[in-house]
């Protein structure tokens, strides 16, 4: 989550104005880290020794992890505690 994109300062300033409150580069990175992780996986799949199917699976997991609560009933069968 520490990787900074060249346009992050401008994007954070824009969000600060829109939200009418301070919004830092760190806030931006935190809010976008799942998308940034997906992009990194797609761009570096070969370096990560993933084939094209694994890249897509791992990318989807990275991008979706902020949207889905893995401790929900839907994932009950997949939790290690069960």
C-alpha atoms as a PDB file:
ATOM      1  CA  UNK A   1       0.000   0.000   0.000  1.00  0.00           C
ATOM      2  CA  UNK A   2       2.997   2.266   0.080  1.00  0.00           C
ATOM      3  CA  UNK A   3       3.446   2.563  -3.691  1.00  0.00           C
ATOM      4  CA  UNK A   4       2.754   6.070  -4.872  1.00  0.00           C
ATOM      5  CA  UNK A   5       1.629   6.916  -8.403  1.00  0.00           C
ATOM      6  CA  UNK A   6       2.898  10.118 -10.062  1.00  0.00           C
ATOM      7  CA  UNK A   7      -0.536  11.778 -10.081  1.00  0.00           C
ATOM      8  CA  UNK A   8      -1.477  10.911  -6.473  1.00  0.00           C
ATOM      9  CA  UNK A   9      -0.825  14.408  -5.089  1.00  0.00           C
ATOM     10  CA  UNK A  10      -3.156  15.992  -7.637  1.00  0.00           C
ATOM     11  CA  UNK A  11      -5.822  13.303  -7.166  1.00  0.00           C
ATOM     12  CA  UNK A  12      -5.703  13.698  -3.367  1.00  0.00           C
ATOM     13  CA  UNK A  13      -6.011  17.482  -3.648  1.00  0.00           C
ATOM     14  CA  UNK A  14      -8.997  17.052  -5.968  1.00  0.00           C
ATOM     15  CA  UNK A  15     -10.686  14.659  -3.525  1.00  0.00           C
ATOM     16  CA  UNK A  16      -9.998  17.097  -0.678  1.00  0.00           C
ATOM     17  CA  UNK A  17     -11.888  19.785  -2.553  1.00  0.00           C
ATOM     18  CA  UNK A  18     -14.766  17.450  -3.450  1.00  0.00           C
ATOM     19  CA  UNK A  19     -15.118  16.093   0.080  1.00  0.00           C
ATOM     20  CA  UNK A  20     -14.540  19.516   1.653  1.00  0.00           C
ATOM     21  CA  UNK A  21     -12.176  17.963   4.171  1.00  0.00           C
ATOM     22  CA  UNK A  22      -8.515  16.967   4.255  1.00  0.00           C
ATOM     23  CA  UNK A  23      -7.809  13.925   2.090  1.00  0.00           C
ATOM     24  CA  UNK A  24      -4.197  12.807   2.008  1.00  0.00           C
ATOM     25  CA  UNK A  25      -2.205  10.748  -0.460  1.00  0.00           C
ATOM     26  CA  UNK A  26      -2.223   8.014   2.182  1.00  0.00           C
ATOM     27  CA  UNK A  27      -6.044   8.137   2.215  1.00  0.00           C
ATOM     28  CA  UNK A  28      -6.068   7.821  -1.570  1.00  0.00           C
ATOM     29  CA  UNK A  29      -3.670   4.865  -1.550  1.00  0.00           C
ATOM     30  CA  UNK A  30      -5.701   3.145   1.181  1.00  0.00           C
ATOM     31  CA  UNK A  31      -8.950   3.653  -0.756  1.00  0.00           C
ATOM     32  CA  UNK A  32      -7.448   2.383  -4.017  1.00  0.00           C
ATOM     33  CA  UNK A  33      -5.085  -0.316  -2.740  1.00  0.00           C
ATOM     34  CA  UNK A  34      -7.254  -3.199  -3.931  1.00  0.00           C
ATOM     35  CA  UNK A  35      -7.317  -1.787  -7.488  1.00  0.00           C
ATOM     36  CA  UNK A  36      -3.612  -0.987  -7.386  1.00  0.00           C
ATOM     37  CA  UNK A  37      -2.871  -4.519  -6.171  1.00  0.00           C
ATOM     38  CA  UNK A  38      -4.890  -5.974  -9.045  1.00  0.00           C
ATOM     39  CA  UNK A  39      -3.034  -3.815 -11.543  1.00  0.00           C
ATOM     40  CA  UNK A  40       0.319  -4.843 -10.051  1.00  0.00           C
ATOM     41  CA  UNK A  41      -0.573  -8.531 -10.262  1.00  0.00           C
ATOM     42  CA  UNK A  42      -1.643  -8.163 -13.887  1.00  0.00           C
ATOM     43  CA  UNK A  43       1.522  -6.261 -14.824  1.00  0.00           C
ATOM     44  CA  UNK A  44       3.913  -8.554 -12.905  1.00  0.00           C
ATOM     45  CA  UNK A  45       2.303 -11.971 -13.294  1.00  0.00           C
ATOM     46  CA  UNK A  46       5.371 -13.401 -14.985  1.00  0.00           C
ATOM     47  CA  UNK A  47       7.656 -12.086 -12.217  1.00  0.00           C
ATOM     48  CA  UNK A  48       5.286 -13.687  -9.697  1.00  0.00           C
ATOM     49  CA  UNK A  49       5.540 -16.968 -11.634  1.00  0.00           C
ATOM     50  CA  UNK A  50       1.795 -17.060 -12.312  1.00  0.00           C
ATOM     51  CA  UNK A  51       0.213 -18.338 -15.499  1.00  0.00           C
ATOM     52  CA  UNK A  52      -2.495 -16.260 -17.189  1.00  0.00           C
ATOM     53  CA  UNK A  53      -5.325 -18.079 -15.377  1.00  0.00           C
ATOM     54  CA  UNK A  54      -3.661 -17.640 -11.972  1.00  0.00           C
ATOM     55  CA  UNK A  55      -3.044 -13.968 -12.719  1.00  0.00           C
ATOM     56  CA  UNK A  56      -6.734 -13.441 -13.390  1.00  0.00           C
ATOM     57  CA  UNK A  57      -7.821 -15.365 -10.275  1.00  0.00           C
ATOM     58  CA  UNK A  58      -5.400 -13.581  -7.957  1.00  0.00           C
ATOM     59  CA  UNK A  59      -6.249 -10.204  -9.532  1.00  0.00           C
ATOM     60  CA  UNK A  60      -9.968 -10.768  -8.923  1.00  0.00           C
ATOM     61  CA  UNK A  61      -9.316 -11.756  -5.311  1.00  0.00           C
ATOM     62  CA  UNK A  62      -7.149  -8.669  -4.742  1.00  0.00           C
ATOM     63  CA  UNK A  63      -9.645  -6.307  -6.340  1.00  0.00           C
ATOM     64  CA  UNK A  64     -12.654  -7.853  -4.623  1.00  0.00           C
ATOM     65  CA  UNK A  65     -11.361  -8.205  -1.104  1.00  0.00           C
ATOM     66  CA  UNK A  66     -12.622  -4.778  -0.036  1.00  0.00           C
ATOM     67  CA  UNK A  67     -16.113  -5.539  -1.275  1.00  0.00           C
ATOM     68  CA  UNK A  68     -16.769  -8.963   0.216  1.00  0.00           C
ATOM     69  CA  UNK A  69     -16.682  -9.828   3.902  1.00  0.00           C
ATOM     70  CA  UNK A  70     -14.945 -13.198   4.018  1.00  0.00           C
ATOM     71  CA  UNK A  71     -16.289 -13.859   7.511  1.00  0.00           C
ATOM     72  CA  UNK A  72     -19.861 -13.792   6.206  1.00  0.00           C
ATOM     73  CA  UNK A  73     -22.105 -16.878   6.219  1.00  0.00           C
ATOM     74  CA  UNK A  74     -21.521 -17.265   2.461  1.00  0.00           C
ATOM     75  CA  UNK A  75     -17.865 -18.205   3.100  1.00  0.00           C
ATOM     76  CA  UNK A  76     -18.485 -20.268   6.237  1.00  0.00           C
ATOM     77  CA  UNK A  77     -17.376 -23.525   4.579  1.00  0.00           C
ATOM     78  CA  UNK A  78     -14.045 -21.956   3.562  1.00  0.00           C
ATOM     79  CA  UNK A  79     -12.938 -20.548   6.924  1.00  0.00           C
ATOM     80  CA  UNK A  80     -10.076 -22.419   8.589  1.00  0.00           C
ATOM     81  CA  UNK A  81     -11.809 -22.312  11.993  1.00  0.00           C
ATOM     82  CA  UNK A  82     -14.632 -24.579  10.753  1.00  0.00           C
END
